């Protein structure tokens, strides 16, 4: 098997991640912050340790402003429903995931907000000029992705953040796609709220993601319950992370996330990005001369690690099926939970074949993949 679906979930995981999760489960999985016994304290320390690793990784001054949640979808919903007020003007882009589009569209349909979208170019890129035109002093919230999960296009997050900060606009960033390959500095990028995924580029497990909330930004909780703190009160605590972190945490997943991020730090995020660039360049150069292949991804230097393409007269699901069934190559086809992106790219009917190499893929796997795509495009694979 050649696994090239890292934009969905990275695989394989670093050995340190697997070992840490296994060790933690063997030694004990008590509830952090709920009891005073040794096993509970160990769990509490493990969770705090991952907060501190993430804080250093994202340049967050206070680790307690990091809230653990099951995934980026939950984090984005918590942010959107927790900061938006009736009458707000919200701006987002057409390249966003349904985790942003659906809650915002629900609020727009209910008449709660006024919603505007920024259109991309043919590679899914959003320009800072278009952001400055759409996001004004009357805008309450601007939400954008760090990198497109459809084309891999890296967005001008730092420039957008500075524009938002200068105009008093809350800036919400979805870093599910790109974090772990693209450096994220919440201070330099003027990010007010950052949603992150544990199981993609951060090399952790499914079920552990989260949200960073800047000081002096209030997010109303959409879930209330046990936090291990102020248990005599019927009101939800208003301090972070407790305010947004009700219920038992996925401690083994959080431990794995910490080890995944530490692996990135030890390896060097630039080394990871350069490796993905090299593999992406091999893919692009390998299919460049195939006249019946359309590529929708920007060049590797402005791409988080995705090759999006279609073969003429073939549905994306058919191509993905052949790659899997005939060659044992795992890719993603379809609309990638981003319908407006596909509407912009003109691929709403056919979808797109998405190949996303990871740090643990090698040149031989990419070479075999190129030959497989060439065979399908030329009709000679049989």
Protein backbone atom coordinates (compact mmCIF):
# COMPACT_ATOMS: atom_id res chain seq x y z
CA UNK A 1 0.00 0.00 0.00
CA UNK A 2 1.11 3.54 -0.83
CA UNK A 3 -0.65 5.97 1.50
CA UNK A 4 -1.10 9.43 -0.05
CA UNK A 5 -4.10 10.75 1.89
CA UNK A 6 -2.24 12.71 4.56
CA UNK A 7 -4.46 15.77 4.12
CA UNK A 8 -7.27 13.68 5.62
CA UNK A 9 -5.24 11.92 8.32
CA UNK A 10 -1.47 11.57 8.47
CA UNK A 11 -0.03 8.06 8.44
CA UNK A 12 2.11 6.44 9.65
CA UNK A 13 2.54 8.10 13.02
CA UNK A 14 6.02 8.70 14.46
CA UNK A 15 7.10 5.76 16.66
CA UNK A 16 7.31 8.11 19.65
CA UNK A 17 3.60 8.88 19.32
CA UNK A 18 2.61 5.20 19.29
CA UNK A 19 4.90 4.40 22.19
CA UNK A 20 3.74 7.31 24.33
CA UNK A 21 0.06 6.46 23.87
CA UNK A 22 0.65 2.79 24.65
CA UNK A 23 2.74 3.62 27.73
CA UNK A 24 0.13 6.04 29.04
CA UNK A 25 -2.70 3.53 28.65
CA UNK A 26 -0.64 0.87 30.42
CA UNK A 27 0.28 3.15 33.32
CA UNK A 28 -3.18 4.57 33.82
CA UNK A 29 -5.95 6.66 32.28
CA UNK A 30 -7.45 8.51 35.20
CA UNK A 31 -9.36 11.76 34.76
CA UNK A 32 -7.16 14.87 34.82
CA UNK A 33 -8.20 17.55 37.28
CA UNK A 34 -10.86 15.37 38.91
CA UNK A 35 -9.06 13.57 41.74
CA UNK A 36 -6.03 13.99 43.99
CA UNK A 37 -4.59 10.50 43.65
CA UNK A 38 -1.32 9.81 41.86
CA UNK A 39 -2.81 8.50 38.63
CA UNK A 40 -5.06 11.55 38.23
CA UNK A 41 -2.15 13.88 38.91
CA UNK A 42 -0.12 12.05 36.26
CA UNK A 43 -2.93 12.59 33.74
CA UNK A 44 -3.17 16.26 34.71
CA UNK A 45 0.58 16.70 34.24
CA UNK A 46 0.44 14.97 30.85
CA UNK A 47 -2.30 17.28 29.59
CA UNK A 48 -0.48 20.38 30.83
CA UNK A 49 2.74 19.18 29.21
CA UNK A 50 1.03 19.01 25.81
CA UNK A 51 -0.47 22.48 26.36
CA UNK A 52 3.05 23.79 26.96
CA UNK A 53 4.44 22.06 23.86
CA UNK A 54 1.64 23.54 21.73
CA UNK A 55 2.14 26.96 23.29
CA UNK A 56 5.78 26.95 22.28
CA UNK A 57 4.97 25.61 18.83
CA UNK A 58 2.35 28.30 18.06
CA UNK A 59 4.08 31.07 20.09
CA UNK A 60 1.26 31.28 22.63
CA UNK A 61 2.33 33.07 25.80
CA UNK A 62 -0.19 31.42 28.14
CA UNK A 63 -0.74 27.64 27.73
CA UNK A 64 -4.04 27.90 29.61
CA UNK A 65 -5.51 29.75 26.63
CA UNK A 66 -5.37 26.42 24.75
CA UNK A 67 -8.55 24.36 24.97
CA UNK A 68 -8.61 20.69 23.97
CA UNK A 69 -11.55 19.51 21.87
CA UNK A 70 -12.32 16.36 19.86
CA UNK A 71 -11.42 17.87 16.48
CA UNK A 72 -11.20 21.05 14.42
CA UNK A 73 -14.87 20.88 13.46
CA UNK A 74 -15.89 21.04 17.12
CA UNK A 75 -13.35 23.82 17.74
CA UNK A 76 -14.59 25.93 14.81
CA UNK A 77 -18.21 25.52 15.85
CA UNK A 78 -17.33 26.46 19.42
CA UNK A 79 -15.59 29.59 18.15
CA UNK A 80 -18.22 30.62 15.60
CA UNK A 81 -21.22 30.15 17.88
CA UNK A 82 -19.25 31.52 20.83
CA UNK A 83 -18.13 34.87 19.41
CA UNK A 84 -20.73 35.88 16.83
CA UNK A 85 -23.59 38.14 17.87
CA UNK A 86 -26.86 39.10 16.14
CA UNK A 87 -26.30 41.75 13.50
CA UNK A 88 -22.62 40.93 12.95
CA UNK A 89 -21.02 41.20 9.54
CA UNK A 90 -18.92 38.09 8.95
CA UNK A 91 -16.53 37.51 6.06
CA UNK A 92 -15.03 34.21 4.98
CA UNK A 93 -13.68 32.68 1.77
CA UNK A 94 -15.09 30.25 -0.76
CA UNK A 95 -12.17 27.91 -0.03
CA UNK A 96 -13.38 27.04 3.46
CA UNK A 97 -14.31 23.62 4.80
CA UNK A 98 -17.93 22.83 5.71
CA UNK A 99 -16.87 23.10 9.35
CA UNK A 100 -16.89 26.85 8.71
CA UNK A 101 -19.44 27.09 5.91
CA UNK A 102 -22.26 25.18 7.58
CA UNK A 103 -22.39 27.00 10.94
CA UNK A 104 -22.01 30.36 9.21
CA UNK A 105 -24.67 29.52 6.62
CA UNK A 106 -27.00 28.39 9.42
CA UNK A 107 -26.57 31.74 11.16
CA UNK A 108 -27.10 33.62 7.90
CA UNK A 109 -30.25 31.63 7.07
CA UNK A 110 -31.62 32.40 10.54
CA UNK A 111 -31.08 36.11 9.88
CA UNK A 112 -28.50 36.36 12.67
CA UNK A 113 -25.59 37.61 10.57
CA UNK A 114 -24.72 39.19 7.25
CA UNK A 115 -22.26 36.92 5.44
CA UNK A 116 -19.90 37.70 2.56
CA UNK A 117 -17.54 35.40 0.67
CA UNK A 118 -14.19 36.13 -0.97
CA UNK A 119 -13.60 34.36 -4.29
CA UNK A 120 -10.30 32.60 -5.12
CA UNK A 121 -8.23 32.42 -8.28
CA UNK A 122 -8.04 29.28 -10.42
CA UNK A 123 -5.64 27.60 -7.97
CA UNK A 124 -7.78 28.38 -4.93
CA UNK A 125 -5.59 31.27 -3.77
CA UNK A 126 -7.01 34.26 -1.88
CA UNK A 127 -5.21 37.58 -2.32
CA UNK A 128 -4.63 40.10 0.43
CA UNK A 129 -6.10 42.74 -1.88
CA UNK A 130 -9.43 40.90 -2.00
CA UNK A 131 -9.34 40.50 1.79
CA UNK A 132 -8.77 44.22 2.33
CA UNK A 133 -11.68 45.00 0.02
CA UNK A 134 -14.11 42.68 1.81
CA UNK A 135 -13.01 43.07 5.45
CA UNK A 136 -13.71 46.61 6.70
CA UNK A 137 -14.11 48.39 10.02
CA UNK A 138 -17.78 47.35 10.00
CA UNK A 139 -16.82 43.66 9.87
CA UNK A 140 -17.02 41.76 13.16
CA UNK A 141 -15.29 38.47 12.29
CA UNK A 142 -13.09 37.25 9.46
CA UNK A 143 -12.55 33.51 9.20
CA UNK A 144 -10.11 31.82 6.83
CA UNK A 145 -8.15 28.64 6.42
CA UNK A 146 -4.37 28.47 6.75
CA UNK A 147 -4.22 26.35 3.60
CA UNK A 148 -6.86 24.98 1.25
CA UNK A 149 -7.76 21.37 1.88
CA UNK A 150 -8.72 21.08 -1.80
CA UNK A 151 -5.78 22.60 -3.70
CA UNK A 152 -3.15 23.07 -0.98
CA UNK A 153 -2.95 26.83 -1.62
CA UNK A 154 -1.29 28.61 1.31
CA UNK A 155 -3.25 31.68 2.35
CA UNK A 156 -1.86 35.13 3.30
CA UNK A 157 -2.71 34.65 6.98
CA UNK A 158 -0.12 37.03 8.45
CA UNK A 159 -1.13 39.88 6.16
CA UNK A 160 -4.81 39.20 6.79
CA UNK A 161 -4.23 39.13 10.54
CA UNK A 162 -2.48 42.48 10.56
CA UNK A 163 -5.30 43.99 8.49
CA UNK A 164 -7.90 42.62 10.90
CA UNK A 165 -6.04 43.84 13.97
CA UNK A 166 -5.70 47.34 12.49
CA UNK A 167 -9.45 47.47 11.85
CA UNK A 168 -10.68 45.90 15.09
CA UNK A 169 -11.89 42.70 13.41
CA UNK A 170 -11.72 39.34 15.20
CA UNK A 171 -9.54 36.94 13.19
CA UNK A 172 -10.39 33.23 13.31
CA UNK A 173 -8.01 30.82 11.56
CA UNK A 174 -8.68 27.19 10.67
CA UNK A 175 -5.23 25.58 10.70
CA UNK A 176 -6.40 21.97 10.19
CA UNK A 177 -4.75 21.99 6.79
CA UNK A 178 -1.19 23.24 6.87
CA UNK A 179 -0.24 23.25 10.55
CA UNK A 180 2.83 21.08 10.93
CA UNK A 181 4.26 22.13 7.56
CA UNK A 182 3.61 25.89 7.63
CA UNK A 183 4.89 27.83 10.67
CA UNK A 184 2.07 29.38 12.71
CA UNK A 185 2.90 32.26 15.07
CA UNK A 186 -0.26 33.64 16.66
CA UNK A 187 1.48 36.84 17.73
CA UNK A 188 3.19 37.67 14.45
CA UNK A 189 0.11 36.65 12.47
CA UNK A 190 -2.27 38.58 14.78
CA UNK A 191 -4.50 35.52 15.21
CA UNK A 192 -7.25 35.98 17.78
CA UNK A 193 -8.61 32.42 17.64
CA UNK A 194 -6.85 29.39 16.17
CA UNK A 195 -8.52 26.02 15.58
CA UNK A 196 -6.15 23.10 15.13
CA UNK A 197 -6.35 19.40 14.32
CA UNK A 198 -4.32 16.73 16.05
CA UNK A 199 -4.53 13.93 13.49
CA UNK A 200 -3.34 15.66 10.32
CA UNK A 201 -0.06 17.58 10.02
CA UNK A 202 0.56 17.58 13.77
CA UNK A 203 1.02 13.80 13.54
CA UNK A 204 -1.19 12.85 16.48
CA UNK A 205 -4.28 10.67 16.75
CA UNK A 206 -7.89 11.24 15.77
CA UNK A 207 -10.03 12.65 18.56
CA UNK A 208 -7.62 15.29 19.84
CA UNK A 209 -7.67 18.83 18.48
CA UNK A 210 -8.36 22.19 19.98
CA UNK A 211 -8.72 25.92 20.09
CA UNK A 212 -6.48 28.81 21.10
CA UNK A 213 -8.22 31.96 22.32
CA UNK A 214 -6.27 35.20 22.74
CA UNK A 215 -6.37 37.09 26.02
CA UNK A 216 -9.35 39.45 26.32
CA UNK A 217 -11.34 37.52 23.69
CA UNK A 218 -14.49 36.01 25.19
CA UNK A 219 -16.00 32.83 23.75
CA UNK A 220 -19.40 31.77 25.07
CA UNK A 221 -19.45 28.00 25.78
CA UNK A 222 -21.80 25.94 23.64
CA UNK A 223 -21.26 22.91 25.91
CA UNK A 224 -21.57 23.08 29.69
CA UNK A 225 -20.82 20.43 32.26
CA UNK A 226 -18.21 19.01 34.57
CA UNK A 227 -14.86 20.74 34.58
CA UNK A 228 -13.38 19.55 37.87
CA UNK A 229 -13.43 23.16 39.08
CA UNK A 230 -16.03 25.22 40.99
CA UNK A 231 -18.13 22.06 41.34
CA UNK A 232 -20.42 23.70 43.90
CA UNK A 233 -21.62 26.24 41.32
CA UNK A 234 -24.45 25.68 38.83
CA UNK A 235 -22.80 28.12 36.43
CA UNK A 236 -20.09 27.29 33.94
CA UNK A 237 -16.66 28.66 35.00
CA UNK A 238 -15.61 31.68 32.97
CA UNK A 239 -11.86 31.04 33.04
CA UNK A 240 -9.98 29.15 30.36
CA UNK A 241 -9.51 26.35 29.66
CA UNK A 242 -12.36 25.23 31.98
CA UNK A 243 -15.00 27.46 30.35
CA UNK A 244 -14.73 25.57 27.05
CA UNK A 245 -13.43 22.21 28.23
CA UNK A 246 -16.35 20.34 29.79
CA UNK A 247 -16.30 16.58 30.17
CA UNK A 248 -13.56 13.99 30.24
CA UNK A 249 -10.67 14.72 27.90
CA UNK A 250 -9.09 12.24 25.49
CA UNK A 251 -5.91 12.09 27.52
CA UNK A 252 -4.18 9.34 25.50
CA UNK A 253 -4.90 11.33 22.33
CA UNK A 254 -3.60 14.52 23.92
CA UNK A 255 -0.42 12.70 24.99
CA UNK A 256 0.01 11.47 21.40
CA UNK A 257 -0.56 14.98 20.07
CA UNK A 258 2.17 16.34 22.31
CA UNK A 259 4.62 13.72 21.03
CA UNK A 260 3.61 14.43 17.43
CA UNK A 261 4.28 18.15 17.80
CA UNK A 262 7.55 17.44 19.61
CA UNK A 263 8.58 15.25 16.67
CA UNK A 264 7.95 18.20 14.33
CA UNK A 265 9.98 20.51 16.58
CA UNK A 266 12.87 18.03 16.76
CA UNK A 267 12.81 17.32 13.02
CA UNK A 268 12.37 20.95 12.01
CA UNK A 269 9.21 22.26 10.38
CA UNK A 270 11.26 23.62 7.47
CA UNK A 271 12.67 20.14 6.81
CA UNK A 272 9.14 18.71 6.73
CA UNK A 273 7.93 21.43 4.34
CA UNK A 274 10.93 20.97 2.04
CA UNK A 275 10.40 17.20 1.92
CA UNK A 276 6.75 17.64 1.00
CA UNK A 277 7.73 20.25 -1.59
CA UNK A 278 10.18 17.83 -3.19
CA UNK A 279 7.63 15.03 -3.40
CA UNK A 280 4.98 17.40 -4.72
CA UNK A 281 7.36 18.68 -7.40
CA UNK A 282 8.03 15.09 -8.51
CA UNK A 283 4.30 14.52 -8.87
CA UNK A 284 3.66 17.73 -10.77
CA UNK A 285 6.60 17.30 -13.13
CA UNK A 286 5.65 13.69 -13.71
CA UNK A 287 2.16 14.46 -15.03
CA UNK A 288 2.91 17.87 -16.55
CA UNK A 289 3.10 16.57 -20.12
CA UNK A 290 -0.17 14.64 -19.96
CA UNK A 291 -2.45 16.81 -22.10
CA UNK A 292 -5.67 15.35 -20.69
CA UNK A 293 -4.81 16.09 -17.05
CA UNK A 294 -5.90 19.35 -15.44
CA UNK A 295 -4.03 20.45 -12.30
CA UNK A 296 -5.77 22.74 -9.82
CA UNK A 297 -2.96 23.14 -7.25
CA UNK A 298 -0.45 26.02 -7.11
CA UNK A 299 3.32 25.37 -7.34
CA UNK A 300 5.02 23.56 -4.43
CA UNK A 301 6.55 26.73 -2.94
CA UNK A 302 3.06 28.12 -2.17
CA UNK A 303 1.43 24.77 -1.44
CA UNK A 304 1.07 22.94 1.88
CA UNK A 305 1.41 19.54 0.18
CA UNK A 306 -1.53 18.74 -2.12
CA UNK A 307 -1.80 17.79 -5.78
CA UNK A 308 -5.38 18.25 -6.99
CA UNK A 309 -6.12 17.09 -10.51
CA UNK A 310 -8.61 15.53 -12.89
CA UNK A 311 -8.28 13.34 -15.94
CA UNK A 312 -10.50 14.36 -18.86
CA UNK A 313 -13.74 12.41 -19.24
CA UNK A 314 -13.21 10.57 -15.95
CA UNK A 315 -14.96 11.17 -12.65
CA UNK A 316 -12.57 11.72 -9.75
CA UNK A 317 -14.04 8.77 -7.86
CA UNK A 318 -13.30 6.48 -10.82
CA UNK A 319 -9.65 7.55 -10.89
CA UNK A 320 -9.30 7.09 -7.12
CA UNK A 321 -10.93 3.67 -7.33
CA UNK A 322 -8.47 2.51 -10.01
CA UNK A 323 -5.50 3.85 -8.06
CA UNK A 324 -6.64 1.90 -5.01
CA UNK A 325 -7.86 -1.29 -6.65
CA UNK A 326 -5.17 -1.69 -9.32
CA UNK A 327 -2.13 -0.05 -7.72
CA UNK A 328 -2.79 -0.03 -3.96
CA UNK A 329 -2.46 3.76 -3.85
CA UNK A 330 -4.67 5.58 -1.31
CA UNK A 331 -5.92 9.03 -2.37
CA UNK A 332 -9.06 11.10 -1.83
CA UNK A 333 -11.68 11.98 -4.43
CA UNK A 334 -14.91 13.96 -4.43
CA UNK A 335 -15.78 17.38 -3.00
CA UNK A 336 -13.62 17.24 0.16
CA UNK A 337 -16.35 18.85 2.30
CA UNK A 338 -15.67 22.17 0.53
CA UNK A 339 -18.53 22.73 -1.95
CA UNK A 340 -17.90 26.43 -2.62
CA UNK A 341 -14.26 25.72 -3.46
CA UNK A 342 -15.38 23.24 -6.10
CA UNK A 343 -17.98 25.67 -7.40
CA UNK A 344 -15.19 28.25 -7.84
CA UNK A 345 -12.90 25.73 -9.55
CA UNK A 346 -15.63 24.41 -11.81
CA UNK A 347 -15.38 20.88 -10.42
CA UNK A 348 -18.65 20.57 -8.53
CA UNK A 349 -19.91 17.76 -10.79
CA UNK A 350 -16.73 15.71 -11.18
CA UNK A 351 -14.97 16.42 -7.90
CA UNK A 352 -11.18 16.33 -7.79
CA UNK A 353 -8.55 13.67 -7.19
CA UNK A 354 -6.45 14.81 -4.21
CA UNK A 355 -3.00 13.39 -3.57
CA UNK A 356 -1.35 14.51 -0.34
CA UNK A 357 2.11 13.07 0.36
CA UNK A 358 3.46 13.14 3.89
CA UNK A 359 6.87 13.36 5.51
CA UNK A 360 7.14 9.57 5.66
CA UNK A 361 6.56 8.96 1.96
CA UNK A 362 9.59 8.42 -0.27
CA UNK A 363 10.62 9.11 -3.86
CA UNK A 364 10.04 5.53 -4.97
CA UNK A 365 6.39 5.70 -3.90
CA UNK A 366 5.94 8.97 -5.77
CA UNK A 367 7.59 7.53 -8.88
CA UNK A 368 5.20 4.55 -8.82
CA UNK A 369 2.25 6.91 -8.34
CA UNK A 370 3.28 9.05 -11.32
CA UNK A 371 3.50 5.96 -13.51
CA UNK A 372 0.10 4.80 -12.31
CA UNK A 373 -1.51 8.17 -13.13
CA UNK A 374 0.18 8.23 -16.53
CA UNK A 375 -1.17 4.75 -17.23
CA UNK A 376 -4.72 5.76 -16.30
CA UNK A 377 -4.52 8.98 -18.33
CA UNK A 378 -3.21 7.13 -21.39
CA UNK A 379 -5.55 4.19 -20.97
CA UNK A 380 -2.66 1.72 -20.80
CA UNK A 381 -2.87 0.69 -17.14
CA UNK A 382 -4.71 -2.53 -17.86
